[in-house]
Amino acid sequence: TVVVSDNRGRSGASRVVGDITAQIVAQAGDDGEQLIVDVLMIAVMSSVARKGLGTKLLSAIESITKQLASSRSSAGAVIYTQADAGQIASGFWKRNGFVDSAEASWLTTALHTWWPERHHHYEGITSMLRPVAVA
C-alpha cells in the first residue's frame, strides 16, 4: 500500500488524499519467475482528483515492482487490475497503458481459481493489464 498525504487538514494537520493497494504473486515459468502485481484498489480524494495523483500512485507501484523484480532476478512482470465498467475508471487505466485482453481475462480466472479468498472475480468488470519493463 502506498499512501499520499498533504497538510491541508484541520489546523494544518496531515490528511490522506490518495492511496493504492496491490498484492504481488510470483509465478514460476519456463523462462523464469514472472511477477503479477494485482492492483486491488486505488482511491483519490475528490478535492485533488484529475490532477495526476492516481498516475503518480500507479508509478509508485511500478517502481516497487521493478525493484522487487530486480532483487529477485525475475524474468518479467505485469500490473493487473479489474476496472469497473464506468468510463472514468476504464479511461484512467487506458490512459496509463493498460489493455483489456484475453490474457487479462484469463488471469482473472486463474488467480481466482488459484486463491479464491485473496483474488475475487467481480461481475461486470473489465480485466486489464500492462507489462512492466524489467531490467
Protein backbone atom coordinates (compact mmCIF):
# COMPACT_ATOMS: atom_id res chain seq x y z
CA THR A 1 0.00 0.00 0.00
CA VAL A 2 1.24 3.47 -0.92
CA VAL A 3 -0.41 6.44 0.79
CA VAL A 4 -0.16 10.14 -0.11
CA SER A 5 -0.99 12.87 2.38
CA ASP A 6 -0.91 16.63 2.50
CA ASN A 7 -1.05 19.21 5.29
CA ARG A 8 -4.44 20.68 4.47
CA GLY A 9 -6.37 19.03 7.26
CA ARG A 10 -7.69 20.90 10.28
CA SER A 11 -5.15 23.32 11.70
CA GLY A 12 -2.61 22.17 9.11
CA ALA A 13 -2.80 18.54 10.19
CA SER A 14 -1.86 15.81 7.77
CA ARG A 15 -4.68 14.09 5.86
CA VAL A 16 -4.65 11.16 3.45
CA VAL A 17 -5.60 12.29 -0.07
CA GLY A 18 -4.89 9.11 -2.03
CA ASP A 19 -3.78 5.53 -1.80
CA ILE A 20 -3.17 2.41 -3.87
CA THR A 21 -3.13 -1.16 -2.61
CA ALA A 22 -1.71 -4.10 -4.52
CA GLN A 23 -0.62 -7.65 -3.87
CA ILE A 24 2.18 -9.43 -5.69
CA VAL A 25 2.23 -13.03 -6.85
CA ALA A 26 5.42 -14.70 -8.11
CA GLN A 27 4.69 -17.26 -10.83
CA ALA A 28 7.38 -19.75 -11.85
CA GLY A 29 7.65 -20.41 -15.57
CA ASP A 30 9.90 -21.94 -18.19
CA ASP A 31 11.60 -18.57 -18.78
CA GLY A 32 11.96 -17.79 -15.07
CA GLU A 33 9.84 -16.13 -12.45
CA GLN A 34 7.09 -13.71 -13.55
CA LEU A 35 5.67 -11.18 -11.08
CA ILE A 36 1.95 -10.45 -11.22
CA VAL A 37 1.05 -7.23 -9.43
CA ASP A 38 -2.67 -7.23 -8.68
CA VAL A 39 -3.92 -3.67 -8.04
CA LEU A 40 -6.78 -4.16 -5.60
CA MET A 41 -7.74 -0.55 -5.06
CA ILE A 42 -6.81 2.97 -5.98
CA ALA A 43 -8.54 5.96 -4.41
CA VAL A 44 -8.02 9.71 -4.69
CA MET A 45 -9.91 12.31 -2.66
CA SER A 46 -12.31 14.19 -4.92
CA SER A 47 -10.82 17.58 -3.99
CA VAL A 48 -7.48 16.56 -5.58
CA ALA A 49 -8.80 14.26 -8.31
CA ARG A 50 -7.91 14.65 -12.00
CA LYS A 51 -4.57 16.28 -11.23
CA GLY A 52 -2.30 13.27 -11.84
CA LEU A 53 -2.22 11.83 -8.34
CA GLY A 54 -3.67 8.47 -9.44
CA THR A 55 -0.99 8.19 -12.13
CA LYS A 56 1.71 9.04 -9.56
CA LEU A 57 0.38 6.33 -7.24
CA LEU A 58 0.43 3.84 -10.09
CA SER A 59 4.01 4.90 -10.93
CA ALA A 60 4.99 4.21 -7.32
CA ILE A 61 3.66 0.65 -7.61
CA GLU A 62 5.54 0.23 -10.89
CA SER A 63 8.75 1.43 -9.25
CA ILE A 64 8.31 -1.02 -6.36
CA THR A 65 7.63 -3.77 -8.91
CA LYS A 66 10.85 -3.01 -10.81
CA GLN A 67 12.89 -3.00 -7.60
CA LEU A 68 11.39 -6.30 -6.47
CA ALA A 69 11.81 -7.90 -9.90
CA SER A 70 15.44 -6.82 -9.98
CA SER A 71 16.18 -8.10 -6.47
CA ARG A 72 14.59 -11.47 -7.32
CA SER A 73 16.09 -11.68 -10.84
CA SER A 74 12.56 -12.05 -12.22
CA ALA A 75 12.16 -12.59 -15.96
CA GLY A 76 9.22 -10.19 -16.23
CA ALA A 77 6.29 -8.52 -14.57
CA VAL A 78 2.78 -7.32 -15.32
CA ILE A 79 0.49 -4.98 -13.44
CA TYR A 80 -3.09 -6.23 -13.50
CA THR A 81 -6.42 -4.83 -12.34
CA GLN A 82 -10.15 -5.29 -12.58
CA ALA A 83 -11.63 -1.94 -13.64
CA ASP A 84 -15.28 -1.16 -13.09
CA ALA A 85 -17.20 -0.78 -16.30
CA GLY A 86 -17.61 3.01 -15.99
CA GLN A 87 -15.88 5.36 -18.41
CA ILE A 88 -13.89 7.17 -15.72
CA ALA A 89 -12.21 4.04 -14.34
CA SER A 90 -11.54 2.31 -17.64
CA GLY A 91 -10.38 5.61 -19.15
CA PHE A 92 -7.85 6.07 -16.33
CA TRP A 93 -6.40 2.61 -16.87
CA LYS A 94 -6.28 3.02 -20.67
CA ARG A 95 -4.51 6.39 -20.35
CA ASN A 96 -1.93 4.60 -18.22
CA GLY A 97 -1.22 1.92 -20.83
CA PHE A 98 -3.50 -0.87 -19.63
CA VAL A 99 -5.34 -3.01 -22.16
CA ASP A 100 -8.37 -5.24 -21.98
CA SER A 101 -7.18 -8.55 -23.43
CA ALA A 102 -7.81 -12.28 -23.46
CA GLU A 103 -4.68 -12.66 -21.32
CA ALA A 104 -6.10 -10.26 -18.72
CA SER A 105 -9.41 -12.15 -18.63
CA TRP A 106 -7.57 -15.46 -18.33
CA LEU A 107 -5.52 -14.01 -15.45
CA THR A 108 -8.70 -13.02 -13.59
CA THR A 109 -9.96 -16.59 -13.75
CA ALA A 110 -6.57 -18.16 -12.99
CA LEU A 111 -5.91 -16.00 -9.91
CA HIS A 112 -9.40 -16.62 -8.57
CA THR A 113 -9.12 -20.37 -9.13
CA TRP A 114 -5.68 -20.46 -7.51
CA TRP A 115 -6.58 -18.49 -4.36
CA PRO A 116 -10.27 -17.52 -4.24
CA GLU A 117 -10.03 -15.95 -0.76
CA ARG A 118 -7.48 -13.37 -1.96
CA HIS A 119 -8.37 -12.94 -5.64
CA HIS A 120 -12.01 -12.09 -6.15
CA HIS A 121 -13.65 -12.25 -9.55
CA TYR A 122 -16.07 -9.34 -9.65
CA GLU A 123 -19.03 -9.38 -12.01
CA GLY A 124 -19.29 -6.61 -14.60
CA ILE A 125 -15.62 -5.65 -14.51
CA THR A 126 -13.03 -5.28 -17.24
CA SER A 127 -9.79 -7.18 -16.67
CA MET A 128 -6.82 -5.07 -17.78
CA LEU A 129 -3.06 -5.40 -17.65
CA ARG A 130 0.17 -3.72 -18.62
CA PRO A 131 3.63 -5.27 -18.88
CA VAL A 132 6.41 -3.75 -16.82
CA ALA A 133 9.86 -3.41 -18.36
CA VAL A 134 12.20 -5.33 -16.09
CA ALA A 135 15.92 -4.61 -16.50
